[in-house]
C-alpha atoms as a PDB file:
ATOM      1  CA  MET A   1       0.000   0.000   0.000  1.00  0.00           C
ATOM      2  CA  PRO A   2       1.488   3.375  -0.961  1.00  0.00           C
ATOM      3  CA  ASP A   3       2.502   5.751   1.798  1.00  0.00           C
ATOM      4  CA  THR A   4       0.046   8.566   2.440  1.00  0.00           C
ATOM      5  CA  LEU A   5       1.258  12.132   2.049  1.00  0.00           C
ATOM      6  CA  PRO A   6       1.683  14.123   5.275  1.00  0.00           C
ATOM      7  CA  THR A   7      -1.163  16.456   6.087  1.00  0.00           C
ATOM      8  CA  LEU A   8      -0.651  20.205   6.122  1.00  0.00           C
ATOM      9  CA  ASP A   9      -0.508  20.236   9.924  1.00  0.00           C
ATOM     10  CA  GLU A  10       2.099  17.459   9.875  1.00  0.00           C
ATOM     11  CA  GLN A  11       4.189  19.483   7.420  1.00  0.00           C
ATOM     12  CA  ARG A  12       3.831  22.528   9.647  1.00  0.00           C
ATOM     13  CA  TRP A  13       4.876  20.534  12.727  1.00  0.00           C
ATOM     14  CA  THR A  14       7.999  19.329  10.919  1.00  0.00           C
ATOM     15  CA  ALA A  15       8.805  22.916   9.897  1.00  0.00           C
ATOM     16  CA  LEU A  16       8.222  24.109  13.470  1.00  0.00           C
ATOM     17  CA  LEU A  17      10.678  21.565  14.883  1.00  0.00           C
ATOM     18  CA  ALA A  18      13.235  22.547  12.225  1.00  0.00           C
ATOM     19  CA  ARG A  19      12.665  26.246  13.008  1.00  0.00           C
ATOM     20  CA  GLU A  20      12.261  26.983   9.312  1.00  0.00           C
ATOM     21  CA  ALA A  21      11.933  30.723   8.757  1.00  0.00           C
ATOM     22  CA  ALA A  22      10.509  30.136   5.257  1.00  0.00           C
ATOM     23  CA  PRO A  23       8.673  26.780   5.411  1.00  0.00           C
ATOM     24  CA  ALA A  24       8.220  24.835   2.186  1.00  0.00           C
ATOM     25  CA  CYS A  25       4.585  24.230   3.137  1.00  0.00           C
ATOM     26  CA  GLY A  26       3.912  27.960   3.079  1.00  0.00           C
ATOM     27  CA  PRO A  27       3.713  30.649   5.789  1.00  0.00           C
ATOM     28  CA  PHE A  28       1.877  29.856   9.001  1.00  0.00           C
ATOM     29  CA  LEU A  29       1.801  30.622  12.717  1.00  0.00           C
ATOM     30  CA  TYR A  30       1.515  28.208  15.616  1.00  0.00           C
ATOM     31  CA  GLY A  31      -0.176  28.656  18.955  1.00  0.00           C
ATOM     32  CA  VAL A  32       0.871  27.133  22.273  1.00  0.00           C
ATOM     33  CA  THR A  33      -2.283  26.224  24.181  1.00  0.00           C
ATOM     34  CA  THR A  34      -0.560  26.053  27.574  1.00  0.00           C
ATOM     35  CA  GLN A  35       0.764  29.616  27.247  1.00  0.00           C
ATOM     36  CA  GLY A  36      -1.878  31.292  25.112  1.00  0.00           C
ATOM     37  CA  VAL A  37       0.663  32.793  22.688  1.00  0.00           C
ATOM     38  CA  PHE A  38       1.187  32.408  18.941  1.00  0.00           C
ATOM     39  CA  CYS A  39       4.591  32.376  17.243  1.00  0.00           C
ATOM     40  CA  LEU A  40       6.468  32.270  13.970  1.00  0.00           C
ATOM     41  CA  PRO A  41       7.864  28.829  13.012  1.00  0.00           C
ATOM     42  CA  GLY A  42      11.394  30.173  13.510  1.00  0.00           C
ATOM     43  CA  CYS A  43      10.710  31.385  17.069  1.00  0.00           C
ATOM     44  CA  PRO A  44      13.743  30.892  19.350  1.00  0.00           C
ATOM     45  CA  SER A  45      11.502  29.718  22.198  1.00  0.00           C
ATOM     46  CA  ARG A  46      11.516  26.042  23.144  1.00  0.00           C
ATOM     47  CA  PRO A  47       9.124  24.090  20.856  1.00  0.00           C
ATOM     48  CA  PRO A  48       5.871  23.003  22.510  1.00  0.00           C
ATOM     49  CA  LEU A  49       4.702  19.431  22.843  1.00  0.00           C
ATOM     50  CA  ARG A  50       2.763  18.300  19.804  1.00  0.00           C
ATOM     51  CA  ARG A  51      -0.468  18.019  21.745  1.00  0.00           C
ATOM     52  CA  ASN A  52      -0.139  21.659  22.823  1.00  0.00           C
ATOM     53  CA  ALA A  53       0.454  23.071  19.333  1.00  0.00           C
ATOM     54  CA  VAL A  54      -2.249  24.436  17.035  1.00  0.00           C
ATOM     55  CA  PHE A  55      -1.734  26.079  13.666  1.00  0.00           C
ATOM     56  CA  PHE A  56      -3.083  29.230  12.062  1.00  0.00           C
ATOM     57  CA  ALA A  57      -2.864  30.770   8.622  1.00  0.00           C
ATOM     58  CA  ASP A  58      -2.330  34.295   9.940  1.00  0.00           C
ATOM     59  CA  ALA A  59      -2.336  36.566  13.009  1.00  0.00           C
ATOM     60  CA  PRO A  60      -6.050  37.543  12.840  1.00  0.00           C
ATOM     61  CA  ALA A  61      -7.007  33.852  12.955  1.00  0.00           C
ATOM     62  CA  ALA A  62      -4.750  33.263  15.971  1.00  0.00           C
ATOM     63  CA  GLU A  63      -6.111  36.313  17.789  1.00  0.00           C
ATOM     64  CA  ALA A  64      -9.694  35.287  17.001  1.00  0.00           C
ATOM     65  CA  ALA A  65      -8.915  31.989  18.760  1.00  0.00           C
ATOM     66  CA  GLY A  66      -7.836  33.895  21.866  1.00  0.00           C
ATOM     67  CA  PHE A  67      -4.045  33.793  21.454  1.00  0.00           C
ATOM     68  CA  ARG A  68      -1.718  36.782  21.917  1.00  0.00           C
ATOM     69  CA  ALA A  69       1.473  37.571  19.992  1.00  0.00           C
ATOM     70  CA  CYS A  70       4.781  36.180  21.291  1.00  0.00           C
ATOM     71  CA  LYS A  71       7.139  38.895  22.490  1.00  0.00           C
ATOM     72  CA  ARG A  72      10.249  37.018  21.391  1.00  0.00           C
ATOM     73  CA  CYS A  73       9.578  36.344  17.696  1.00  0.00           C
ATOM     74  CA  ASP A  74       7.205  39.288  17.097  1.00  0.00           C
ATOM     75  CA  PRO A  75       4.829  37.414  14.714  1.00  0.00           C
ATOM     76  CA  LYS A  76       2.835  40.569  13.885  1.00  0.00           C
ATOM     77  CA  GLY A  77       5.970  42.531  13.035  1.00  0.00           C
ATOM     78  CA  GLU A  78       5.065  45.378  15.373  1.00  0.00           C
ATOM     79  CA  ARG A  79       8.459  45.513  17.074  1.00  0.00           C
ATOM     80  CA  ALA A  80      10.208  45.210  13.718  1.00  0.00           C
ATOM     81  CA  ALA A  81       8.207  48.184  12.462  1.00  0.00           C
ATOM     82  CA  LEU A  82       9.304  50.237  15.481  1.00  0.00           C
ATOM     83  CA  HIS A  83      12.906  49.264  14.788  1.00  0.00           C
ATOM     84  CA  ARG A  84      12.619  50.333  11.157  1.00  0.00           C
ATOM     85  CA  GLU A  85      11.136  53.666  12.194  1.00  0.00           C
ATOM     86  CA  ALA A  86      13.964  54.274  14.669  1.00  0.00           C
ATOM     87  CA  ILE A  87      16.630  53.451  12.087  1.00  0.00           C
ATOM     88  CA  ALA A  88      14.870  55.579   9.469  1.00  0.00           C
ATOM     89  CA  ALA A  89      15.011  58.506  11.907  1.00  0.00           C
ATOM     90  CA  ALA A  90      18.728  57.843  12.496  1.00  0.00           C
ATOM     91  CA  VAL A  91      19.353  57.757   8.751  1.00  0.00           C
ATOM     92  CA  ALA A  92      17.523  61.070   8.365  1.00  0.00           C
ATOM     93  CA  LEU A  93      19.703  62.587  11.079  1.00  0.00           C
ATOM     94  CA  ILE A  94      22.885  61.372   9.377  1.00  0.00           C
ATOM     95  CA  GLU A  95      21.661  62.767   6.058  1.00  0.00           C
ATOM     96  CA  SER A  96      20.918  66.206   7.554  1.00  0.00           C
ATOM     97  CA  SER A  97      24.033  66.527   9.741  1.00  0.00           C
ATOM     98  CA  GLU A  98      27.062  68.486   8.551  1.00  0.00           C
ATOM     99  CA  THR A  99      29.387  66.169  10.463  1.00  0.00           C
ATOM    100  CA  ILE A 100      29.158  62.476  11.251  1.00  0.00           C
ATOM    101  CA  PRO A 101      27.010  61.947  14.394  1.00  0.00           C
ATOM    102  CA  SER A 102      28.591  59.704  17.000  1.00  0.00           C
ATOM    103  CA  LEU A 103      27.239  56.213  17.578  1.00  0.00           C
ATOM    104  CA  GLU A 104      26.417  57.200  21.164  1.00  0.00           C
ATOM    105  CA  ALA A 105      24.362  60.201  20.017  1.00  0.00           C
ATOM    106  CA  LEU A 106      22.452  58.159  17.450  1.00  0.00           C
ATOM    107  CA  ALA A 107      21.716  55.359  19.912  1.00  0.00           C
ATOM    108  CA  LYS A 108      20.593  57.765  22.635  1.00  0.00           C
ATOM    109  CA  ARG A 109      18.264  59.587  20.247  1.00  0.00           C
ATOM    110  CA  ALA A 110      16.753  56.281  19.123  1.00  0.00           C
ATOM    111  CA  GLY A 111      16.324  55.121  22.713  1.00  0.00           C
ATOM    112  CA  TYR A 112      18.468  52.002  22.486  1.00  0.00           C
ATOM    113  CA  ALA A 113      21.651  50.794  24.102  1.00  0.00           C
ATOM    114  CA  ARG A 114      24.725  51.452  21.953  1.00  0.00           C
ATOM    115  CA  HIS A 115      25.420  47.815  21.024  1.00  0.00           C
ATOM    116  CA  HIS A 116      21.738  47.080  20.370  1.00  0.00           C
ATOM    117  CA  PHE A 117      21.362  50.132  18.122  1.00  0.00           C
ATOM    118  CA  LEU A 118      24.499  49.188  16.173  1.00  0.00           C
ATOM    119  CA  ARG A 119      23.131  45.684  15.540  1.00  0.00           C
ATOM    120  CA  LEU A 120      19.734  47.028  14.447  1.00  0.00           C
ATOM    121  CA  PHE A 121      21.312  49.567  12.103  1.00  0.00           C
ATOM    122  CA  ARG A 122      23.503  46.928  10.467  1.00  0.00           C
ATOM    123  CA  ASP A 123      20.644  44.445  10.167  1.00  0.00           C
ATOM    124  CA  ILE A 124      18.300  46.957   8.538  1.00  0.00           C
ATOM    125  CA  THR A 125      20.656  48.981   6.317  1.00  0.00           C
ATOM    126  CA  GLY A 126      23.375  46.400   5.708  1.00  0.00           C
ATOM    127  CA  VAL A 127      26.158  48.747   6.866  1.00  0.00           C
ATOM    128  CA  THR A 128      27.302  50.413  10.068  1.00  0.00           C
ATOM    129  CA  PRO A 129      26.256  54.000  10.896  1.00  0.00           C
ATOM    130  CA  ARG A 130      29.834  55.078  10.194  1.00  0.00           C
ATOM    131  CA  SER A 131      29.856  53.441   6.758  1.00  0.00           C
ATOM    132  CA  TYR A 132      26.491  54.955   5.927  1.00  0.00           C
ATOM    133  CA  ALA A 133      27.679  58.408   6.983  1.00  0.00           C
ATOM    134  CA  GLU A 134      30.827  58.065   4.888  1.00  0.00           C
ATOM    135  CA  GLY A 135      28.615  57.207   1.923  1.00  0.00           C
ATOM    136  CA  VAL A 136      26.641  60.413   2.551  1.00  0.00           C
ATOM    137  CA  ARG A 137      29.862  62.430   2.625  1.00  0.00           C
ATOM    138  CA  ALA A 138      31.026  60.829  -0.616  1.00  0.00           C
ATOM    139  CA  ARG A 139      27.703  61.640  -2.265  1.00  0.00           C
ATOM    140  CA  ARG A 140      27.929  65.275  -1.120  1.00  0.00           C
ATOM    141  CA  LEU A 141      31.489  65.483  -2.375  1.00  0.00           C
ATOM    142  CA  GLN A 142      30.500  64.026  -5.747  1.00  0.00           C
ATOM    143  CA  ALA A 143      27.617  66.491  -6.088  1.00  0.00           C
ATOM    144  CA  ALA A 144      29.783  69.499  -5.219  1.00  0.00           C
ATOM    145  CA  LEU A 145      32.582  68.459  -7.548  1.00  0.00           C
ATOM    146  CA  SER A 146      30.218  67.759 -10.444  1.00  0.00           C
ATOM    147  CA  GLN A 147      28.895  71.319 -10.064  1.00  0.00           C
ATOM    148  CA  GLY A 148      32.407  72.662 -10.533  1.00  0.00           C
ATOM    149  CA  ALA A 149      33.316  73.516  -6.935  1.00  0.00           C
ATOM    150  CA  ARG A 150      37.016  73.758  -6.119  1.00  0.00           C
ATOM    151  CA  VAL A 151      38.313  70.510  -4.664  1.00  0.00           C
ATOM    152  CA  ALA A 152      39.323  72.156  -1.376  1.00  0.00           C
ATOM    153  CA  ASP A 153      35.905  73.782  -0.983  1.00  0.00           C
ATOM    154  CA  ALA A 154      34.011  70.614  -1.902  1.00  0.00           C
ATOM    155  CA  VAL A 155      36.050  68.536   0.536  1.00  0.00           C
ATOM    156  CA  ALA A 156      35.361  70.985   3.362  1.00  0.00           C
ATOM    157  CA  GLU A 157      31.648  71.265   2.576  1.00  0.00           C
ATOM    158  CA  ALA A 158      31.261  67.488   2.453  1.00  0.00           C
ATOM    159  CA  GLY A 159      32.688  67.175   5.955  1.00  0.00           C
ATOM    160  CA  PHE A 160      36.106  65.654   5.223  1.00  0.00           C
ATOM    161  CA  GLY A 161      38.891  66.866   7.461  1.00  0.00           C
ATOM    162  CA  SER A 162      41.435  67.257   4.662  1.00  0.00           C
ATOM    163  CA  GLU A 163      42.030  66.598   0.973  1.00  0.00           C
ATOM    164  CA  SER A 164      44.633  63.977   1.820  1.00  0.00           C
ATOM    165  CA  ARG A 165      41.991  61.685   3.322  1.00  0.00           C
ATOM    166  CA  VAL A 166      39.991  61.802   0.104  1.00  0.00           C
ATOM    167  CA  TYR A 167      43.004  61.114  -2.099  1.00  0.00           C
ATOM    168  CA  GLU A 168      44.194  58.286   0.155  1.00  0.00           C
ATOM    169  CA  ARG A 169      40.793  56.576  -0.128  1.00  0.00           C
ATOM    170  CA  ARG A 170      39.767  57.803  -3.568  1.00  0.00           C
ATOM    171  CA  GLY A 171      38.710  54.345  -4.749  1.00  0.00           C
ATOM    172  CA  ALA A 172      36.468  53.833  -1.732  1.00  0.00           C
ATOM    173  CA  THR A 173      35.188  57.397  -1.773  1.00  0.00           C
ATOM    174  CA  LEU A 174      34.537  58.270  -5.409  1.00  0.00           C
ATOM    175  CA  GLY A 175      35.959  55.526  -7.614  1.00  0.00           C
ATOM    176  CA  MET A 176      38.173  58.216  -9.231  1.00  0.00           C
ATOM    177  CA  THR A 177      40.308  61.170  -8.255  1.00  0.00           C
ATOM    178  CA  PRO A 178      38.495  64.279  -6.957  1.00  0.00           C
ATOM    179  CA  GLY A 179      39.827  66.178  -9.965  1.00  0.00           C
ATOM    180  CA  ALA A 180      38.200  63.747 -12.393  1.00  0.00           C
ATOM    181  CA  ALA A 181      34.951  63.917 -10.430  1.00  0.00           C
ATOM    182  CA  ARG A 182      35.074  67.724 -10.519  1.00  0.00           C
ATOM    183  CA  ARG A 183      35.285  67.565 -14.284  1.00  0.00           C
ATOM    184  CA  GLY A 184      32.251  65.265 -14.344  1.00  0.00           C
ATOM    185  CA  ALA A 185      34.553  62.443 -15.525  1.00  0.00           C
ATOM    186  CA  LYS A 186      35.145  64.416 -18.723  1.00  0.00           C
ATOM    187  CA  GLY A 187      38.785  63.557 -18.548  1.00  0.00           C
ATOM    188  CA  GLU A 188      38.005  59.855 -18.543  1.00  0.00           C
ATOM    189  CA  THR A 189      37.741  57.709 -21.652  1.00  0.00           C
ATOM    190  CA  ILE A 190      35.790  54.481 -21.736  1.00  0.00           C
ATOM    191  CA  GLY A 191      36.661  52.115 -24.529  1.00  0.00           C
ATOM    192  CA  ILE A 192      33.777  50.144 -25.986  1.00  0.00           C
ATOM    193  CA  ALA A 193      33.427  47.066 -28.156  1.00  0.00           C
ATOM    194  CA  ARG A 194      30.288  45.619 -29.714  1.00  0.00           C
ATOM    195  CA  ALA A 195      29.345  42.146 -30.890  1.00  0.00           C
ATOM    196  CA  GLU A 196      26.397  39.901 -31.625  1.00  0.00           C
ATOM    197  CA  SER A 197      25.850  37.019 -29.242  1.00  0.00           C
ATOM    198  CA  VAL A 198      23.455  34.105 -28.845  1.00  0.00           C
ATOM    199  CA  MET A 199      21.484  36.377 -26.507  1.00  0.00           C
ATOM    200  CA  GLY A 200      21.393  39.383 -28.793  1.00  0.00           C
ATOM    201  CA  PRO A 201      23.534  42.526 -29.033  1.00  0.00           C
ATOM    202  CA  LEU A 202      26.481  42.678 -26.626  1.00  0.00           C
ATOM    203  CA  LEU A 203      28.339  45.780 -25.421  1.00  0.00           C
ATOM    204  CA  VAL A 204      31.466  45.864 -23.261  1.00  0.00           C
ATOM    205  CA  GLY A 205      32.938  49.046 -21.776  1.00  0.00           C
ATOM    206  CA  ALA A 206      36.314  49.375 -20.091  1.00  0.00           C
ATOM    207  CA  THR A 207      38.526  52.004 -18.479  1.00  0.00           C
ATOM    208  CA  THR A 208      42.282  51.739 -18.129  1.00  0.00           C
ATOM    209  CA  GLN A 209      41.624  49.873 -14.856  1.00  0.00           C
ATOM    210  CA  GLY A 210      39.387  47.174 -16.298  1.00  0.00           C
ATOM    211  CA  VAL A 211      35.914  46.282 -17.579  1.00  0.00           C
ATOM    212  CA  CYS A 212      33.292  48.612 -16.104  1.00  0.00           C
ATOM    213  CA  PHE A 213      30.198  47.566 -18.062  1.00  0.00           C
ATOM    214  CA  ILE A 214      28.745  44.451 -19.692  1.00  0.00           C
ATOM    215  CA  GLY A 215      25.292  44.600 -21.250  1.00  0.00           C
ATOM    216  CA  PHE A 216      23.454  42.263 -23.602  1.00  0.00           C
ATOM    217  CA  GLY A 217      20.082  41.166 -24.894  1.00  0.00           C
ATOM    218  CA  GLU A 218      18.763  44.643 -25.808  1.00  0.00           C
ATOM    219  CA  ALA A 219      19.046  46.957 -28.797  1.00  0.00           C
ATOM    220  CA  MET A 220      22.557  48.370 -29.102  1.00  0.00           C
ATOM    221  CA  GLU A 221      21.213  51.915 -28.639  1.00  0.00           C
ATOM    222  CA  ALA A 222      19.654  50.888 -25.324  1.00  0.00           C
ATOM    223  CA  LEU A 223      22.874  49.255 -24.149  1.00  0.00           C
ATOM    224  CA  GLU A 224      24.897  52.340 -25.005  1.00  0.00           C
ATOM    225  CA  GLY A 225      22.303  54.508 -23.281  1.00  0.00           C
ATOM    226  CA  ASP A 226      22.678  52.424 -20.112  1.00  0.00           C
ATOM    227  CA  LEU A 227      26.448  52.872 -20.225  1.00  0.00           C
ATOM    228  CA  ARG A 228      26.120  56.641 -20.741  1.00  0.00           C
ATOM    229  CA  ARG A 229      23.751  56.935 -17.764  1.00  0.00           C
ATOM    230  CA  ARG A 230      26.352  55.272 -15.583  1.00  0.00           C
ATOM    231  CA  PHE A 231      29.184  57.480 -16.902  1.00  0.00           C
ATOM    232  CA  PRO A 232      27.344  60.593 -18.164  1.00  0.00           C
ATOM    233  CA  HIS A 233      30.387  62.778 -18.839  1.00  0.00           C
ATOM    234  CA  ALA A 234      32.977  60.253 -19.921  1.00  0.00           C
ATOM    235  CA  GLU A 235      34.053  60.017 -23.533  1.00  0.00           C
ATOM    236  CA  LEU A 236      33.069  56.727 -25.194  1.00  0.00           C
ATOM    237  CA  ARG A 237      35.437  55.514 -27.871  1.00  0.00           C
ATOM    238  CA  GLU A 238      35.527  52.371 -29.981  1.00  0.00           C
ATOM    239  CA  ASP A 239      38.532  50.378 -28.811  1.00  0.00           C
ATOM    240  CA  PRO A 240      39.923  47.598 -31.042  1.00  0.00           C
ATOM    241  CA  ALA A 241      41.953  46.354 -28.076  1.00  0.00           C
ATOM    242  CA  LEU A 242      38.679  45.186 -26.496  1.00  0.00           C
ATOM    243  CA  GLU A 243      37.789  42.853 -29.362  1.00  0.00           C
ATOM    244  CA  ALA A 244      39.327  39.865 -27.577  1.00  0.00           C
ATOM    245  CA  THR A 245      37.427  40.743 -24.398  1.00  0.00           C
ATOM    246  CA  VAL A 246      34.048  41.075 -26.089  1.00  0.00           C
ATOM    247  CA  ALA A 247      34.734  37.799 -27.937  1.00  0.00           C
ATOM    248  CA  GLN A 248      35.447  36.140 -24.584  1.00  0.00           C
ATOM    249  CA  VAL A 249      32.145  37.385 -23.177  1.00  0.00           C
ATOM    250  CA  ALA A 250      30.265  36.231 -26.295  1.00  0.00           C
ATOM    251  CA  ALA A 251      31.882  32.803 -25.972  1.00  0.00           C
ATOM    252  CA  PHE A 252      30.757  32.607 -22.349  1.00  0.00           C
ATOM    253  CA  LEU A 253      27.173  33.380 -23.352  1.00  0.00           C
ATOM    254  CA  ARG A 254      27.346  30.693 -26.007  1.00  0.00           C
ATOM    255  CA  GLU A 255      29.022  27.990 -23.901  1.00  0.00           C
ATOM    256  CA  PRO A 256      29.887  28.778 -20.246  1.00  0.00           C
ATOM    257  CA  HIS A 257      32.541  26.151 -19.627  1.00  0.00           C
ATOM    258  CA  ALA A 258      34.465  28.178 -17.042  1.00  0.00           C
ATOM    259  CA  ALA A 259      34.004  31.278 -14.908  1.00  0.00           C
ATOM    260  CA  LEU A 260      34.406  34.559 -16.782  1.00  0.00           C
ATOM    261  CA  ARG A 261      37.630  36.067 -15.426  1.00  0.00           C
ATOM    262  CA  LEU A 262      38.238  39.669 -16.474  1.00  0.00           C
ATOM    263  CA  PRO A 263      40.085  42.656 -14.968  1.00  0.00           C
ATOM    264  CA  LEU A 264      37.303  44.812 -13.503  1.00  0.00           C
ATOM    265  CA  ASP A 265      36.828  48.460 -12.594  1.00  0.00           C
ATOM    266  CA  LEU A 266      33.950  48.280 -10.104  1.00  0.00           C
ATOM    267  CA  ARG A 267      32.577  51.518  -8.695  1.00  0.00           C
ATOM    268  CA  GLY A 268      30.031  51.469  -5.943  1.00  0.00           C
ATOM    269  CA  THR A 269      29.506  51.829  -2.236  1.00  0.00           C
ATOM    270  CA  ALA A 270      31.456  49.718   0.222  1.00  0.00           C
ATOM    271  CA  PHE A 271      28.401  47.507   0.736  1.00  0.00           C
ATOM    272  CA  GLN A 272      27.790  47.079  -2.995  1.00  0.00           C
ATOM    273  CA  ARG A 273      31.384  46.032  -3.549  1.00  0.00           C
ATOM    274  CA  ARG A 274      31.081  43.500  -0.710  1.00  0.00           C
ATOM    275  CA  VAL A 275      28.030  42.001  -2.395  1.00  0.00           C
ATOM    276  CA  TRP A 276      29.721  41.924  -5.799  1.00  0.00           C
ATOM    277  CA  GLU A 277      32.748  40.228  -4.285  1.00  0.00           C
ATOM    278  CA  ALA A 278      30.478  37.631  -2.653  1.00  0.00           C
ATOM    279  CA  LEU A 279      28.758  37.012  -5.999  1.00  0.00           C
ATOM    280  CA  GLN A 280      32.103  36.209  -7.589  1.00  0.00           C
ATOM    281  CA  GLY A 281      32.495  33.415  -5.044  1.00  0.00           C
ATOM    282  CA  ILE A 282      29.445  31.476  -6.323  1.00  0.00           C
ATOM    283  CA  PRO A 283      30.801  28.545  -8.376  1.00  0.00           C
ATOM    284  CA  LEU A 284      29.799  27.957 -11.983  1.00  0.00           C
ATOM    285  CA  GLY A 285      26.689  25.789 -12.176  1.00  0.00           C
ATOM    286  CA  GLN A 286      25.512  26.594  -8.654  1.00  0.00           C
ATOM    287  CA  THR A 287      22.971  29.044  -7.275  1.00  0.00           C
ATOM    288  CA  THR A 288      22.216  30.660  -3.952  1.00  0.00           C
ATOM    289  CA  THR A 289      19.405  32.789  -2.553  1.00  0.00           C
ATOM    290  CA  TYR A 290      19.426  36.441  -1.549  1.00  0.00           C
ATOM    291  CA  GLY A 291      18.865  35.383   2.057  1.00  0.00           C
ATOM    292  CA  ARG A 292      21.706  32.879   2.052  1.00  0.00           C
ATOM    293  CA  LEU A 293      24.062  35.358   0.415  1.00  0.00           C
ATOM    294  CA  ALA A 294      23.171  37.980   3.040  1.00  0.00           C
ATOM    295  CA  ALA A 295      23.754  35.446   5.833  1.00  0.00           C
ATOM    296  CA  GLU A 296      27.131  34.403   4.406  1.00  0.00           C
ATOM    297  CA  MET A 297      28.127  38.081   4.398  1.00  0.00           C
ATOM    298  CA  GLY A 298      27.189  38.298   8.079  1.00  0.00           C
ATOM    299  CA  LYS A 299      24.145  40.471   7.245  1.00  0.00           C
ATOM    300  CA  PRO A 300      21.175  38.073   7.552  1.00  0.00           C
ATOM    301  CA  GLU A 301      18.648  40.903   7.807  1.00  0.00           C
ATOM    302  CA  ALA A 302      20.001  42.818   4.801  1.00  0.00           C
ATOM    303  CA  VAL A 303      18.277  40.694   2.164  1.00  0.00           C
ATOM    304  CA  ARG A 304      16.702  43.659   0.386  1.00  0.00           C
ATOM    305  CA  ALA A 305      19.954  45.601   0.372  1.00  0.00           C
ATOM    306  CA  VAL A 306      21.719  42.573  -1.116  1.00  0.00           C
ATOM    307  CA  ALA A 307      19.022  42.270  -3.787  1.00  0.00           C
ATOM    308  CA  ARG A 308      19.409  45.963  -4.658  1.00  0.00           C
ATOM    309  CA  ALA A 309      23.184  45.599  -4.967  1.00  0.00           C
ATOM    310  CA  CYS A 310      22.666  42.619  -7.281  1.00  0.00           C
ATOM    311  CA  ALA A 311      20.305  44.678  -9.435  1.00  0.00           C
ATOM    312  CA  GLN A 312      22.865  47.516  -9.633  1.00  0.00           C
ATOM    313  CA  ASN A 313      25.698  45.234 -10.729  1.00  0.00           C
ATOM    314  CA  PRO A 314      27.295  46.905 -13.815  1.00  0.00           C
ATOM    315  CA  VAL A 315      29.235  43.887 -15.067  1.00  0.00           C
ATOM    316  CA  SER A 316      26.822  40.983 -15.375  1.00  0.00           C
ATOM    317  CA  LEU A 317      28.420  37.596 -16.076  1.00  0.00           C
ATOM    318  CA  ALA A 318      31.817  38.639 -14.661  1.00  0.00           C
ATOM    319  CA  VAL A 319      29.994  39.343 -11.393  1.00  0.00           C
ATOM    320  CA  PRO A 320      27.409  36.551 -11.732  1.00  0.00           C
ATOM    321  CA  CYS A 321      24.260  38.020 -10.160  1.00  0.00           C
ATOM    322  CA  HIS A 322      22.224  35.612 -12.315  1.00  0.00           C
ATOM    323  CA  ARG A 323      23.230  32.844  -9.898  1.00  0.00           C
ATOM    324  CA  VAL A 324      21.061  34.340  -7.155  1.00  0.00           C
ATOM    325  CA  ILE A 325      17.437  33.173  -7.032  1.00  0.00           C
ATOM    326  CA  GLY A 326      14.441  33.615  -4.745  1.00  0.00           C
ATOM    327  CA  ALA A 327      13.950  31.518  -1.594  1.00  0.00           C
ATOM    328  CA  SER A 328      11.068  29.729  -3.344  1.00  0.00           C
ATOM    329  CA  GLY A 329      13.311  28.709  -6.226  1.00  0.00           C
ATOM    330  CA  ASP A 330      11.813  31.306  -8.578  1.00  0.00           C
ATOM    331  CA  LEU A 331      14.306  33.067 -10.812  1.00  0.00           C
ATOM    332  CA  THR A 332      12.924  36.483  -9.721  1.00  0.00           C
ATOM    333  CA  GLY A 333      14.052  39.504 -11.745  1.00  0.00           C
ATOM    334  CA  TYR A 334      17.143  40.021 -13.860  1.00  0.00           C
ATOM    335  CA  ARG A 335      18.380  43.226 -15.486  1.00  0.00           C
ATOM    336  CA  TRP A 336      18.896  41.462 -18.826  1.00  0.00           C
ATOM    337  CA  GLY A 337      15.657  39.473 -18.759  1.00  0.00           C
ATOM    338  CA  VAL A 338      14.471  36.421 -16.852  1.00  0.00           C
ATOM    339  CA  PRO A 339      14.514  34.231 -20.011  1.00  0.00           C
ATOM    340  CA  ASN A 340      18.216  35.040 -20.418  1.00  0.00           C
ATOM    341  CA  LYS A 341      18.798  34.265 -16.738  1.00  0.00           C
ATOM    342  CA  LYS A 342      17.111  30.891 -17.166  1.00  0.00           C
ATOM    343  CA  ARG A 343      19.188  30.198 -20.249  1.00  0.00           C
ATOM    344  CA  LEU A 344      22.424  31.145 -18.504  1.00  0.00           C
ATOM    345  CA  LEU A 345      21.743  28.915 -15.513  1.00  0.00           C
ATOM    346  CA  ALA A 346      20.747  25.987 -17.721  1.00  0.00           C
ATOM    347  CA  GLY A 347      23.915  26.384 -19.774  1.00  0.00           C
ATOM    348  CA  GLU A 348      26.131  26.561 -16.692  1.00  0.00           C
ATOM    349  CA  LYS A 349      24.483  23.507 -15.121  1.00  0.00           C
ATOM    350  CA  GLU A 350      24.934  21.561 -18.332  1.00  0.00           C
ATOM    351  CA  ALA A 351      28.590  22.582 -18.510  1.00  0.00           C
ATOM    352  CA  THR A 352      29.282  21.163 -15.041  1.00  0.00           C
END
């Protein structure tokens, strides 16, 4: 006689014992009859006995049955909402301050202990308050320089102590020298090379430091427009020296036998570059989820920030953001089209 399939409640009980944050059987809540509380399946509290566990589809159903929300796992998300509001207020303060607020001042204003506030800020934004504030300063510096302000004036207005600090960390701060930023990158030349690939038109852009753009699967005009939006004042110039590089990328699209290794010129925030570096660690033929990638980076609550960084990746394929999928197994979005993402993953799996 064939085995019977487990009932929904049996699947939920198994997920509860495994503390699955995203159960395969779908979202649910469980109530503990001896305590009168309802929890998320990933609640850190000790699991109840089976006879004391009841299951609900959502919070209103649990409350209608007379259960109250657990204070540890916050199944209604009320505490999480308060946390987000507090961090949003801290972010607004950083954005409006001329200098970098101290961690103590931010924590006190939010009403949390210093270490607790730091953890919340990192979990929600994906970076520390200091890193976020440095990003704000870099953005102010970029804006002032692009408007033609003198470097010394722009540095002072952005809140940097001296020009030397900007020049020492120019890659982390602007991705270029302050002088180039002041000229709106007009002094920078980006070589480009075009080709046809199995996934449509292909465009590669590169600076003297390395490849800074890879786009494919759209009309060539659209690809060039994307590149110009990313580098609005740089001069684009056809570069025969890139023919071998664009051929290498086209070959990868056709038959991805090995990881695409290219010298890269990646410009982004510190957090974005961390994500892009993590993406390069995903082996050919394998995939991961946004949540798993965030956890491996030590930022388990920064799933959305990780997803945004993946979407902003300027060098698809070399930084393989197509290898990241949704927790459900869905391919989710992809800058160059979900059908192309599916095709890439199938080709890589076949190659391995």
